[in-house]
Protein backbone atom coordinates (compact mmCIF):
# COMPACT_ATOMS: atom_id res chain seq x y z
CA UNK A 1 27.18 -3.97 -73.22
CA UNK A 2 27.20 -0.72 -72.16
CA UNK A 3 25.78 2.52 -73.03
CA UNK A 4 27.90 3.33 -73.98
CA UNK A 5 28.66 1.50 -77.23
CA UNK A 6 26.73 -1.43 -79.27
CA UNK A 7 28.00 -4.70 -79.23
CA UNK A 8 30.50 -3.79 -81.91
CA UNK A 9 30.04 -4.12 -85.43
CA UNK A 10 30.80 -7.99 -87.80
CA UNK A 11 34.07 -9.09 -88.42
CA UNK A 12 34.88 -7.09 -91.34
CA UNK A 13 32.43 -4.47 -90.82
CA UNK A 14 33.34 -0.92 -91.72
CA UNK A 15 32.50 2.20 -89.30
CA UNK A 16 29.93 5.04 -91.06
CA UNK A 17 33.11 6.77 -92.91
CA UNK A 18 35.92 5.32 -94.17
CA UNK A 19 39.21 5.75 -91.87
CA UNK A 20 41.29 7.22 -92.80
CA UNK A 21 44.98 5.70 -93.62
CA UNK A 22 46.97 5.23 -90.36
CA UNK A 23 48.17 2.69 -87.77
CA UNK A 24 46.59 -1.14 -88.37
CA UNK A 25 46.17 -4.01 -86.44
CA UNK A 26 49.23 -6.04 -85.39
CA UNK A 27 46.80 -9.44 -84.53
CA UNK A 28 44.89 -8.58 -87.32
CA UNK A 29 46.11 -5.45 -90.25
CA UNK A 30 43.29 -4.21 -90.82
CA UNK A 31 42.74 -0.64 -89.40
CA UNK A 32 41.90 0.35 -85.98
CA UNK A 33 38.81 2.81 -86.53
CA UNK A 34 37.17 0.95 -83.21
CA UNK A 35 37.97 2.10 -80.15
CA UNK A 36 37.87 -0.27 -77.09
CA UNK A 37 36.15 1.68 -74.12
CA UNK A 38 37.73 -1.44 -71.86
CA UNK A 39 41.01 -1.69 -72.33
CA UNK A 40 41.64 2.02 -73.87
CA UNK A 41 42.75 1.48 -76.82
CA UNK A 42 42.23 1.55 -80.20
CA UNK A 43 41.49 -1.28 -81.90
CA UNK A 44 40.23 -3.70 -85.55
CA UNK A 45 36.96 -4.59 -86.76
CA UNK A 46 38.01 -8.15 -86.89
CA UNK A 47 38.49 -6.92 -82.71
CA UNK A 48 35.68 -7.17 -81.89
CA UNK A 49 33.98 -9.45 -83.98
CA UNK A 50 32.90 -13.83 -82.96
CA UNK A 51 35.97 -14.54 -81.96
CA UNK A 52 37.84 -10.98 -80.88
CA UNK A 53 39.21 -9.84 -78.39
CA UNK A 54 37.18 -7.33 -77.41
CA UNK A 55 33.76 -9.17 -78.39
CA UNK A 56 30.84 -8.15 -75.56
CA UNK A 57 33.52 -4.65 -74.72
CA UNK A 58 32.63 -1.17 -74.59
CA UNK A 59 33.45 -0.35 -78.65
CA UNK A 60 32.74 2.72 -80.38
CA UNK A 61 34.12 4.63 -83.79
CA UNK A 62 37.55 5.68 -83.50
CA UNK A 63 36.32 9.50 -84.64
CA UNK A 64 34.24 9.64 -82.29
CA UNK A 65 36.45 8.64 -79.11
CA UNK A 66 38.89 11.92 -81.26
CA UNK A 67 36.04 13.98 -81.03
CA UNK A 68 35.37 13.67 -77.46
CA UNK A 69 39.57 14.10 -76.38
CA UNK A 70 39.33 17.37 -79.10
CA UNK A 71 36.08 18.62 -76.80
CA UNK A 72 38.11 17.63 -73.00
CA UNK A 73 41.30 19.05 -75.08
CA UNK A 74 39.29 22.70 -75.52
CA UNK A 75 37.48 22.56 -71.76
CA UNK A 76 40.73 22.21 -70.54
CA UNK A 77 42.28 24.71 -72.63
CA UNK A 78 39.28 27.52 -71.69
CA UNK A 79 39.07 26.33 -68.03
CA UNK A 80 43.23 27.41 -67.87
CA UNK A 81 42.60 30.60 -69.77
CA UNK A 82 39.76 31.71 -67.34
CA UNK A 83 41.83 30.06 -64.47
CA UNK A 84 44.61 32.69 -65.15
CA UNK A 85 42.53 35.44 -66.78
CA UNK A 86 40.72 35.01 -62.80
CA UNK A 87 44.49 35.32 -61.50
CA UNK A 88 46.02 38.02 -63.57
CA UNK A 89 42.86 40.67 -63.28
CA UNK A 90 43.59 40.18 -58.88
CA UNK A 91 46.60 40.47 -60.03
CA UNK A 92 45.75 43.85 -61.58
CA UNK A 93 43.79 44.86 -58.32
CA UNK A 94 46.23 44.73 -56.00
CA UNK A 95 49.10 45.58 -57.76
CA UNK A 96 47.04 48.81 -57.81
CA UNK A 97 46.16 48.66 -55.07
CA UNK A 98 49.65 48.46 -53.61
CA UNK A 99 50.66 51.28 -55.75
CA UNK A 100 48.26 53.55 -54.39
CA UNK A 101 49.18 52.47 -50.53
CA UNK A 102 52.53 53.22 -51.27
CA UNK A 103 52.52 56.12 -53.11
CA UNK A 104 49.73 57.57 -50.89
CA UNK A 105 52.49 56.45 -48.08
CA UNK A 106 55.06 58.20 -50.00
CA UNK A 107 52.95 61.53 -50.15
CA UNK A 108 51.98 61.12 -46.13
CA UNK A 109 55.69 61.17 -45.67
CA UNK A 110 56.67 63.85 -48.23
CA UNK A 111 54.24 66.29 -46.42
CA UNK A 112 55.73 65.00 -42.84
CA UNK A 113 58.95 66.27 -43.96
CA UNK A 114 57.81 69.32 -45.13
CA UNK A 115 56.29 70.13 -42.06
CA UNK A 116 59.80 69.72 -39.89
CA UNK A 117 61.33 72.11 -42.92
CA UNK A 118 59.00 74.86 -42.61
CA UNK A 119 58.88 74.00 -37.95
CA UNK A 120 62.85 73.95 -38.27
CA UNK A 121 63.21 77.07 -40.44
CA UNK A 122 60.96 78.87 -38.03
CA UNK A 123 62.64 77.24 -34.84
CA UNK A 124 65.53 78.87 -36.32
CA UNK A 125 64.39 81.76 -36.95
CA UNK A 126 62.53 81.49 -32.86
CA UNK A 127 66.44 80.85 -32.17
CA UNK A 128 68.10 83.85 -33.76
CA UNK A 129 65.57 86.31 -32.47
CA UNK A 130 66.42 85.26 -28.73
CA UNK A 131 69.74 84.81 -29.01
CA UNK A 132 70.36 88.23 -30.74
CA UNK A 133 68.10 89.29 -27.29
CA UNK A 134 70.90 87.60 -25.36
CA UNK A 135 73.43 89.15 -26.73
CA UNK A 136 72.43 92.28 -26.43
CA UNK A 137 71.41 91.53 -22.76
CA UNK A 138 75.04 90.75 -22.03
CA UNK A 139 76.99 93.71 -23.81
CA UNK A 140 74.72 96.71 -22.87
CA UNK A 141 73.88 95.89 -19.08
CA UNK A 142 75.36 96.43 -15.95
CA UNK A 143 75.83 93.59 -13.66
CA UNK A 144 73.20 95.55 -11.37
CA UNK A 145 70.47 95.50 -14.79
CA UNK A 146 71.82 91.72 -15.56
CA UNK A 147 70.20 90.40 -12.52
CA UNK A 148 67.20 92.96 -12.58
CA UNK A 149 66.44 90.49 -15.52
CA UNK A 150 67.20 87.26 -14.54
CA UNK A 151 63.76 85.80 -14.43
CA UNK A 152 63.95 87.03 -18.36
CA UNK A 153 66.95 85.17 -19.06
CA UNK A 154 65.70 82.76 -17.89
CA UNK A 155 62.07 82.51 -19.31
CA UNK A 156 63.76 83.37 -22.84
CA UNK A 157 66.31 80.53 -22.21
CA UNK A 158 62.86 77.71 -21.20
CA UNK A 159 61.87 79.27 -24.52
CA UNK A 160 64.97 78.28 -26.25
CA UNK A 161 64.92 74.97 -25.23
CA UNK A 162 60.88 73.95 -26.10
CA UNK A 163 61.69 75.60 -29.89
CA UNK A 164 64.18 72.29 -30.25
CA UNK A 165 61.54 69.21 -29.27
CA UNK A 166 60.26 68.03 -33.32
CA UNK A 167 57.05 67.82 -34.33
CA UNK A 168 55.48 64.33 -35.45
CA UNK A 169 58.85 63.24 -35.89
CA UNK A 170 56.91 59.22 -35.59
CA UNK A 171 55.21 60.03 -38.66
CA UNK A 172 59.10 60.59 -40.93
CA UNK A 173 59.18 56.80 -40.95
CA UNK A 174 57.57 55.03 -43.58
CA UNK A 175 55.53 52.55 -43.22
CA UNK A 176 56.64 49.14 -45.34
CA UNK A 177 53.65 47.22 -44.10
CA UNK A 178 51.43 49.47 -46.63
CA UNK A 179 54.11 46.57 -49.39
CA UNK A 180 52.76 43.20 -47.67
CA UNK A 181 49.55 41.11 -49.88
CA UNK A 182 48.90 38.25 -48.55
CA UNK A 183 47.64 37.33 -52.38
CA UNK A 184 51.25 38.29 -53.80
CA UNK A 185 53.63 36.32 -51.62
CA UNK A 186 51.20 33.34 -51.58
CA UNK A 187 51.42 33.73 -55.38
CA UNK A 188 55.49 34.82 -55.05
CA UNK A 189 56.37 31.33 -52.35
CA UNK A 190 53.92 29.11 -55.28
CA UNK A 191 55.75 30.98 -58.11
CA UNK A 192 59.65 30.23 -56.32
CA UNK A 193 58.90 27.28 -54.74
CA UNK A 194 57.72 25.83 -58.17
CA UNK A 195 60.96 27.37 -60.12
CA UNK A 196 63.72 27.93 -57.76
CA UNK A 197 65.76 24.57 -57.58
CA UNK A 198 68.38 24.60 -55.09
CA UNK A 199 70.80 21.27 -53.77
CA UNK A 200 70.36 21.56 -49.44
CA UNK A 201 72.38 19.18 -48.09
CA UNK A 202 73.28 18.27 -44.58
CA UNK A 203 76.55 18.92 -43.37
CA UNK A 204 78.32 15.62 -41.84
CA UNK A 205 79.90 17.08 -39.50
CA UNK A 206 77.86 19.39 -37.89
CA UNK A 207 75.26 16.38 -37.03
CA UNK A 208 74.25 15.90 -33.60
CA UNK A 209 75.32 12.32 -32.14
CA UNK A 210 71.91 11.49 -31.54
CA UNK A 211 71.02 11.82 -34.77
CA UNK A 212 71.30 9.44 -37.43
CA UNK A 213 72.40 11.73 -41.73
CA UNK A 214 71.33 9.33 -44.51
CA UNK A 215 74.52 8.69 -47.60
CA UNK A 216 73.30 11.36 -49.81
CA UNK A 217 72.94 14.01 -46.91
CA UNK A 218 69.39 14.38 -46.89
CA UNK A 219 67.80 12.72 -44.54
CA UNK A 220 68.69 13.01 -40.30
CA UNK A 221 66.41 10.09 -38.30
CA UNK A 222 66.56 10.46 -34.63
CA UNK A 223 67.86 8.07 -32.11
CA UNK A 224 67.40 8.01 -28.25
CA UNK A 225 70.55 6.38 -27.74
CA UNK A 226 73.88 8.19 -29.71
CA UNK A 227 75.26 7.17 -32.55
CA UNK A 228 78.48 5.12 -32.98
CA UNK A 229 81.56 7.09 -31.75
CA UNK A 230 82.49 9.97 -34.30
CA UNK A 231 84.83 13.04 -34.89
CA UNK A 232 84.17 15.78 -32.60
CA UNK A 233 84.54 18.85 -33.88
CA UNK A 234 84.11 21.85 -33.06
CA UNK A 235 81.38 22.43 -35.96
CA UNK A 236 79.27 19.16 -34.47
CA UNK A 237 76.02 19.82 -32.43
CA UNK A 238 76.86 16.88 -28.48
CA UNK A 239 73.85 18.01 -27.26
CA UNK A 240 70.67 19.64 -29.29
CA UNK A 241 69.87 16.72 -31.71
CA UNK A 242 70.47 20.02 -34.21
CA UNK A 243 72.63 19.97 -37.87
CA UNK A 244 73.50 22.56 -39.96
CA UNK A 245 73.50 22.21 -44.11
CA UNK A 246 76.75 22.64 -45.67
CA UNK A 247 75.80 25.34 -47.86
CA UNK A 248 75.25 29.21 -46.24
CA UNK A 249 74.24 32.10 -47.82
CA UNK A 250 74.24 36.12 -47.97
CA UNK A 251 72.53 37.28 -49.56
CA UNK A 252 69.75 36.49 -52.60
CA UNK A 253 66.63 34.71 -52.97
CA UNK A 254 66.67 30.93 -52.00
CA UNK A 255 64.25 28.30 -51.74
CA UNK A 256 63.88 24.61 -50.49
CA UNK A 257 61.02 21.85 -49.45
CA UNK A 258 61.71 19.96 -46.69
CA UNK A 259 59.38 15.86 -46.20
CA UNK A 260 58.16 16.48 -42.62
CA UNK A 261 54.42 13.89 -41.95
CA UNK A 262 56.61 11.42 -40.48
CA UNK A 263 58.27 13.26 -37.60
CA UNK A 264 56.30 15.22 -34.72
CA UNK A 265 58.32 16.45 -33.41
CA UNK A 266 61.41 18.89 -35.29
CA UNK A 267 62.58 22.40 -36.29
CA UNK A 268 63.30 23.60 -39.97
CA UNK A 269 64.43 27.53 -40.52
CA UNK A 270 67.75 29.44 -40.18
CA UNK A 271 70.82 30.11 -38.33
CA UNK A 272 73.79 32.42 -38.20
CA UNK A 273 77.11 30.21 -38.32
CA UNK A 274 77.58 31.83 -35.18
CA UNK A 275 75.69 29.67 -33.01
CA UNK A 276 77.04 27.70 -30.26
CA UNK A 277 77.52 24.13 -30.73
CA UNK A 278 78.82 22.66 -27.10
CA UNK A 279 76.29 22.53 -24.24
CA UNK A 280 72.54 21.70 -23.17
CA UNK A 281 71.76 25.67 -22.70
CA UNK A 282 69.59 27.79 -24.76
CA UNK A 283 72.52 29.24 -26.92
CA UNK A 284 72.55 26.41 -28.58
CA UNK A 285 68.91 25.33 -28.93
CA UNK A 286 67.22 25.73 -32.21
CA UNK A 287 64.86 29.51 -31.35
CA UNK A 288 65.80 30.36 -28.11
CA UNK A 289 68.71 32.51 -28.69
CA UNK A 290 69.56 35.25 -31.41
CA UNK A 291 71.14 33.68 -34.07
CA UNK A 292 68.25 30.62 -34.95
CA UNK A 293 64.70 31.13 -36.93
CA UNK A 294 62.85 28.40 -36.65
CA UNK A 295 59.38 26.71 -37.65
CA UNK A 296 58.70 23.92 -34.57
CA UNK A 297 56.33 21.41 -33.94
CA UNK A 298 56.05 19.90 -30.89
CA UNK A 299 52.99 16.99 -30.41
CA UNK A 300 50.47 19.85 -32.11
CA UNK A 301 51.74 22.66 -31.05
CA UNK A 302 53.18 24.62 -33.97
CA UNK A 303 54.99 27.93 -32.95
CA UNK A 304 57.98 30.26 -34.68
CA UNK A 305 60.71 31.04 -32.50
CA UNK A 306 63.35 33.22 -32.33
CA UNK A 307 65.78 34.80 -29.13
CA UNK A 308 63.04 32.69 -27.38
CA UNK A 309 60.63 34.69 -28.28
CA UNK A 310 57.39 31.98 -28.96
CA UNK A 311 54.86 32.50 -31.09
CA UNK A 312 51.62 30.36 -31.68
CA UNK A 313 50.22 29.42 -35.32
CA UNK A 314 46.75 28.91 -35.05
CA UNK A 315 47.20 25.23 -37.04
CA UNK A 316 45.12 22.91 -37.11
CA UNK A 317 47.14 20.30 -39.05
CA UNK A 318 50.68 19.43 -39.58
CA UNK A 319 52.41 19.95 -43.01
CA UNK A 320 53.47 17.21 -44.85
CA UNK A 321 55.74 19.27 -46.23
CA UNK A 322 57.52 22.57 -45.30
CA UNK A 323 58.92 24.90 -47.83
CA UNK A 324 61.31 27.98 -46.67
CA UNK A 325 61.57 31.16 -48.68
CA UNK A 326 64.56 33.31 -47.39
CA UNK A 327 64.62 36.62 -49.60
CA UNK A 328 67.35 38.50 -47.71
CA UNK A 329 67.51 41.74 -49.67
CA UNK A 330 64.12 41.25 -48.16
CA UNK A 331 65.36 40.39 -45.08
CA UNK A 332 61.71 37.87 -45.26
CA UNK A 333 61.68 34.10 -44.37
CA UNK A 334 58.38 32.53 -45.00
CA UNK A 335 57.86 29.21 -43.70
CA UNK A 336 55.18 27.31 -46.54
CA UNK A 337 52.87 24.61 -47.43
CA UNK A 338 53.19 23.40 -50.91
CA UNK A 339 49.93 20.89 -50.94
CA UNK A 340 47.50 23.51 -50.23
CA UNK A 341 49.64 26.79 -50.88
CA UNK A 342 49.21 27.77 -48.07
CA UNK A 343 51.49 30.67 -46.13
CA UNK A 344 51.99 28.96 -42.42
CA UNK A 345 54.19 32.11 -41.27
CA UNK A 346 56.28 35.16 -42.43
CA UNK A 347 58.87 36.67 -40.58
CA UNK A 348 60.86 40.42 -41.29
CA UNK A 349 63.51 41.76 -39.72
CA UNK A 350 67.28 41.58 -39.87
CA UNK A 351 70.00 38.58 -39.81
CA UNK A 352 73.29 38.02 -38.70
CA UNK A 353 75.59 36.90 -40.82
CA UNK A 354 75.54 34.20 -43.21
CA UNK A 355 72.95 32.39 -42.90
CA UNK A 356 72.77 28.05 -43.27
CA UNK A 357 69.82 25.75 -43.54
CA UNK A 358 68.56 24.22 -40.33
CA UNK A 359 67.03 21.33 -38.56
CA UNK A 360 66.54 19.44 -35.09
CA UNK A 361 64.47 15.86 -35.13
CA UNK A 362 63.33 14.54 -32.10
CA UNK A 363 61.03 11.81 -33.13
CA UNK A 364 61.23 9.67 -36.85
CA UNK A 365 62.81 12.10 -39.39
CA UNK A 366 62.81 14.77 -42.07
CA UNK A 367 63.71 14.73 -45.55
CA UNK A 368 65.02 17.56 -47.62
CA UNK A 369 63.22 17.18 -51.02
CA UNK A 370 64.69 19.99 -52.69
């Protein structure tokens, strides 16, 4: 007998307080006044007595178990409230920090504009003075006098050219980095991947002959040998093991998750519909041209690839799942690990044309989860 309860009441005995009317034991027809910790279910007094199926089990009054559950639920509720309160507090602090930073950047840019306005107003006044002086010379001086004034004319012209040089022109650019926050990016990615669901499927017409596509059009499996002959249309990749989704995006916010735990060689990201499909050149290879942006894994090397530029990512292990978030309005592409809540890489920049989710597999299998 465990210390959690006693050896159990005898047949017909009742707890200290009479139980409230409720369900009866289907075997004995008695009130379910006790809780069997061994079988994790309510039982009656007869179940715990001689001949009962729960004799010798960990038994205690059902009311005691109910009170324990109430305490557990209350503790869980308090835990949720505390954590949400902490997140809310952190978000409010981060919001205040970012707004102050954006406001400061706005003020700096505004002051730069005012400085520029003063500079150009003064420049126009100086230019007008120089112009008036030069016009006067040309109008009132004879040829000999003009020749004698050649050095002065040259100096005034050179002065006018110097006046046109902009002052602090680089200060007029708004620093977009002031709006970026690792905390809010992580919370945003978690929220989007948890709530935004899109039915991403792979376009069979684009699938490389080195890949096999599942019936539900969500799983790609690599094969070292070309699959059986299939229609080789203009959409199909004929060399690199690539495939495009059937859906493209031109605006808005989009997200999908790919199971990549079984593969040690894959690429996941987005590509323009202008991506070439034929041949073995870099123009068809994901990440090696201006038409594709991908997260790449090859063995234990993890990189972000675009336009032939390879940016190493310091990951100690490969993600089992890879979340992709595409925010076309913000011109942002983000790769995210749902299990740990880690933002793996964020790319900011302009994208060309409608974008398709894109995939490449050179080892085992990857699958679109949603």
